[in-house]
């Protein structure tokens, strides 16, 4: 799978996993990266991404990981970084 397809999967995953009433969220395109097997897509509130004002940044948001082999999208977690 190419990076643009994986990024579209991450965007869809983000839309599917947030509800009405949650802050509007978007992918932080400046910080998206790929390794040999995954696209890693951080995200945050649109309010933060438009301003980059640290006081508007939401904390505790694990990036979305999309497998380049299967297209499976999921939130990454702490266990991956220990």
N, C-alpha and C. Protein backbone atom coordinates (compact mmCIF):
# COMPACT_ATOMS: atom_id res chain seq x y z
N UNK A 1 0.85 -1.17 0.00
CA UNK A 1 0.00 0.00 0.00
C UNK A 1 0.89 1.23 0.00
N UNK A 2 0.53 2.23 -0.77
CA UNK A 2 1.34 3.44 -0.79
C UNK A 2 0.94 4.37 0.37
N UNK A 3 1.77 5.38 0.60
CA UNK A 3 1.56 6.27 1.75
C UNK A 3 0.27 7.06 1.64
N UNK A 4 -0.10 7.50 0.46
CA UNK A 4 -1.33 8.30 0.33
C UNK A 4 -2.57 7.47 0.65
N UNK A 5 -2.58 6.21 0.27
CA UNK A 5 -3.70 5.32 0.60
C UNK A 5 -3.74 5.07 2.11
N UNK A 6 -2.58 4.83 2.70
CA UNK A 6 -2.51 4.62 4.14
C UNK A 6 -2.96 5.87 4.91
N UNK A 7 -2.61 7.03 4.41
CA UNK A 7 -3.03 8.27 5.05
C UNK A 7 -4.55 8.42 4.97
N UNK A 8 -5.14 8.07 3.85
CA UNK A 8 -6.61 8.12 3.71
C UNK A 8 -7.26 7.15 4.70
N UNK A 9 -6.64 6.00 4.92
CA UNK A 9 -7.17 5.03 5.90
C UNK A 9 -7.09 5.62 7.32
N UNK A 10 -6.00 6.32 7.63
CA UNK A 10 -5.87 6.95 8.95
C UNK A 10 -6.93 8.02 9.14
N UNK A 11 -7.19 8.81 8.11
CA UNK A 11 -8.22 9.85 8.19
C UNK A 11 -9.60 9.23 8.45
N UNK A 12 -9.90 8.17 7.74
CA UNK A 12 -11.19 7.48 7.93
C UNK A 12 -11.28 6.90 9.33
N UNK A 13 -10.21 6.27 9.80
CA UNK A 13 -10.19 5.70 11.15
C UNK A 13 -10.45 6.79 12.19
N UNK A 14 -9.83 7.93 12.03
CA UNK A 14 -10.04 9.03 12.97
C UNK A 14 -11.51 9.47 12.97
N UNK A 15 -12.09 9.62 11.79
CA UNK A 15 -13.51 10.02 11.70
C UNK A 15 -14.41 9.00 12.39
N UNK A 16 -14.10 7.72 12.22
CA UNK A 16 -14.95 6.66 12.77
C UNK A 16 -14.82 6.52 14.29
N UNK A 17 -13.76 7.05 14.86
CA UNK A 17 -13.50 6.83 16.28
C UNK A 17 -13.72 8.05 17.16
N UNK A 18 -14.33 9.07 16.61
CA UNK A 18 -14.70 10.23 17.42
C UNK A 18 -16.15 10.54 17.21
N UNK A 19 -16.80 10.98 18.26
CA UNK A 19 -18.24 11.18 18.26
C UNK A 19 -18.59 12.66 18.26
N UNK A 20 -19.84 12.89 17.94
CA UNK A 20 -20.37 14.25 18.04
C UNK A 20 -20.21 14.69 19.49
N UNK A 21 -19.81 15.90 19.69
CA UNK A 21 -19.56 16.40 21.04
C UNK A 21 -18.09 16.40 21.40
N UNK A 22 -17.30 15.55 20.72
CA UNK A 22 -15.85 15.58 20.89
C UNK A 22 -15.30 16.79 20.15
N UNK A 23 -14.14 17.29 20.58
CA UNK A 23 -13.53 18.37 19.78
C UNK A 23 -13.28 17.88 18.35
N UNK A 24 -13.33 18.80 17.40
CA UNK A 24 -13.03 18.43 16.01
C UNK A 24 -11.56 18.06 15.93
N UNK A 25 -11.27 16.89 15.38
CA UNK A 25 -9.90 16.37 15.31
C UNK A 25 -9.46 16.28 13.86
N UNK A 26 -8.12 16.33 13.66
CA UNK A 26 -7.55 16.18 12.32
C UNK A 26 -6.13 15.62 12.45
N UNK A 27 -5.69 15.01 11.38
CA UNK A 27 -4.32 14.49 11.30
C UNK A 27 -3.35 15.67 11.32
N UNK A 28 -2.25 15.50 12.03
CA UNK A 28 -1.17 16.50 12.06
C UNK A 28 -0.21 16.16 10.92
N UNK A 29 -0.55 16.64 9.72
CA UNK A 29 0.18 16.25 8.51
C UNK A 29 1.67 16.59 8.57
N UNK A 30 2.04 17.62 9.31
CA UNK A 30 3.46 18.00 9.42
C UNK A 30 4.29 16.92 10.11
N UNK A 31 3.64 16.06 10.89
CA UNK A 31 4.37 15.07 11.68
C UNK A 31 4.08 13.63 11.30
N UNK A 32 3.39 13.41 10.19
CA UNK A 32 3.15 12.04 9.71
C UNK A 32 4.47 11.47 9.22
N UNK A 33 4.70 10.20 9.51
CA UNK A 33 5.93 9.55 9.04
C UNK A 33 5.65 8.08 8.75
N UNK A 34 6.56 7.47 8.03
CA UNK A 34 6.47 6.05 7.71
C UNK A 34 7.74 5.36 8.15
N UNK A 35 7.58 4.13 8.62
CA UNK A 35 8.73 3.27 8.79
C UNK A 35 8.57 2.15 7.76
N UNK A 36 9.30 1.08 7.90
CA UNK A 36 9.25 0.04 6.87
C UNK A 36 7.91 -0.70 6.82
N UNK A 37 7.10 -0.62 7.90
CA UNK A 37 5.87 -1.39 7.91
C UNK A 37 4.60 -0.61 8.23
N UNK A 38 4.73 0.62 8.72
CA UNK A 38 3.56 1.38 9.14
C UNK A 38 3.64 2.86 8.76
N UNK A 39 2.48 3.44 8.53
CA UNK A 39 2.34 4.88 8.49
C UNK A 39 1.92 5.27 9.91
N UNK A 40 2.55 6.28 10.47
CA UNK A 40 2.26 6.74 11.82
C UNK A 40 1.73 8.16 11.70
N UNK A 41 0.48 8.35 12.13
CA UNK A 41 -0.22 9.61 11.92
C UNK A 41 -0.66 10.21 13.25
N UNK A 42 0.10 11.18 13.77
CA UNK A 42 -0.38 11.89 14.95
C UNK A 42 -1.58 12.75 14.58
N UNK A 43 -2.37 13.08 15.56
CA UNK A 43 -3.54 13.93 15.32
C UNK A 43 -3.76 14.78 16.56
N UNK A 44 -4.58 15.81 16.41
CA UNK A 44 -4.93 16.66 17.54
C UNK A 44 -6.16 17.47 17.16
N UNK A 45 -6.55 18.37 18.03
CA UNK A 45 -7.73 19.19 17.74
C UNK A 45 -7.42 20.14 16.58
N UNK A 46 -8.43 20.43 15.80
CA UNK A 46 -8.27 21.39 14.71
C UNK A 46 -7.85 22.74 15.28
N UNK A 47 -8.41 23.10 16.43
CA UNK A 47 -8.07 24.38 17.06
C UNK A 47 -6.56 24.47 17.32
N UNK A 48 -5.96 23.39 17.84
CA UNK A 48 -4.51 23.39 18.06
C UNK A 48 -3.75 23.41 16.74
N UNK A 49 -4.14 22.56 15.81
CA UNK A 49 -3.40 22.45 14.55
C UNK A 49 -3.40 23.74 13.76
N UNK A 50 -4.47 24.50 13.85
CA UNK A 50 -4.53 25.78 13.12
C UNK A 50 -3.69 26.86 13.79
N UNK A 51 -3.55 26.79 15.11
CA UNK A 51 -2.84 27.85 15.83
C UNK A 51 -1.46 27.46 16.31
N UNK A 52 -1.25 26.16 16.55
CA UNK A 52 -0.03 25.63 17.19
C UNK A 52 0.20 26.27 18.57
N UNK A 53 -0.89 26.73 19.17
CA UNK A 53 -0.86 27.28 20.52
C UNK A 53 -0.86 26.11 21.50
N UNK A 54 0.23 25.94 22.23
CA UNK A 54 0.38 24.79 23.14
C UNK A 54 -0.73 24.73 24.20
N UNK A 55 -1.34 25.86 24.51
CA UNK A 55 -2.43 25.86 25.50
C UNK A 55 -3.70 25.21 24.94
N UNK A 56 -3.76 25.02 23.62
CA UNK A 56 -4.93 24.41 22.99
C UNK A 56 -4.67 22.96 22.60
N UNK A 57 -3.47 22.49 22.84
CA UNK A 57 -3.09 21.12 22.47
C UNK A 57 -3.76 20.12 23.42
N UNK A 58 -4.33 19.06 22.86
CA UNK A 58 -4.89 17.98 23.66
C UNK A 58 -3.79 16.96 23.92
N UNK A 59 -3.70 16.49 25.15
CA UNK A 59 -2.65 15.55 25.54
C UNK A 59 -3.20 14.13 25.63
N UNK A 60 -2.31 13.16 25.58
CA UNK A 60 -2.70 11.77 25.75
C UNK A 60 -3.27 11.11 24.52
N UNK A 61 -3.01 11.68 23.35
CA UNK A 61 -3.53 11.12 22.11
C UNK A 61 -2.46 10.26 21.45
N UNK A 62 -2.65 8.96 21.45
CA UNK A 62 -1.69 8.07 20.80
C UNK A 62 -1.88 8.14 19.29
N UNK A 63 -0.81 8.16 18.52
CA UNK A 63 -0.93 8.26 17.06
C UNK A 63 -1.67 7.07 16.46
N UNK A 64 -2.20 7.29 15.29
CA UNK A 64 -2.83 6.22 14.52
C UNK A 64 -1.72 5.51 13.75
N UNK A 65 -1.75 4.18 13.77
CA UNK A 65 -0.81 3.38 12.98
C UNK A 65 -1.59 2.61 11.93
N UNK A 66 -1.11 2.69 10.70
CA UNK A 66 -1.73 1.96 9.60
C UNK A 66 -0.69 1.01 9.03
N UNK A 67 -1.02 -0.27 9.00
CA UNK A 67 -0.13 -1.27 8.42
C UNK A 67 -0.06 -1.06 6.90
N UNK A 68 1.15 -0.93 6.38
CA UNK A 68 1.31 -0.77 4.93
C UNK A 68 1.06 -2.09 4.21
N UNK A 69 1.10 -3.20 4.93
CA UNK A 69 0.87 -4.51 4.32
C UNK A 69 -0.62 -4.85 4.25
N UNK A 70 -1.37 -4.54 5.32
CA UNK A 70 -2.77 -4.98 5.39
C UNK A 70 -3.79 -3.85 5.35
N UNK A 71 -3.37 -2.62 5.64
CA UNK A 71 -4.29 -1.50 5.70
C UNK A 71 -5.00 -1.39 7.04
N UNK A 72 -4.70 -2.27 7.98
CA UNK A 72 -5.33 -2.21 9.30
C UNK A 72 -4.91 -0.92 10.00
N UNK A 73 -5.89 -0.19 10.50
CA UNK A 73 -5.62 1.05 11.23
C UNK A 73 -6.01 0.84 12.69
N UNK A 74 -5.22 1.42 13.59
CA UNK A 74 -5.49 1.32 15.02
C UNK A 74 -4.75 2.42 15.74
N UNK A 75 -5.16 2.67 16.99
CA UNK A 75 -4.40 3.58 17.82
C UNK A 75 -3.19 2.83 18.35
N UNK A 76 -2.02 3.46 18.32
CA UNK A 76 -0.85 2.84 18.93
C UNK A 76 -1.02 2.95 20.44
N UNK A 77 -0.15 2.28 21.19
CA UNK A 77 -0.29 2.30 22.64
C UNK A 77 1.06 2.28 23.34
N UNK A 78 1.01 2.48 24.62
CA UNK A 78 2.20 2.55 25.44
C UNK A 78 3.07 1.32 25.33
N UNK A 79 2.45 0.15 25.25
CA UNK A 79 3.23 -1.11 25.20
C UNK A 79 4.20 -1.14 24.03
N UNK A 80 3.93 -0.40 22.99
CA UNK A 80 4.82 -0.38 21.82
C UNK A 80 6.09 0.40 22.08
N UNK A 81 6.09 1.23 23.10
CA UNK A 81 7.22 2.11 23.35
C UNK A 81 8.01 1.74 24.59
N UNK A 82 7.63 0.65 25.25
CA UNK A 82 8.36 0.22 26.45
C UNK A 82 9.47 -0.75 26.10
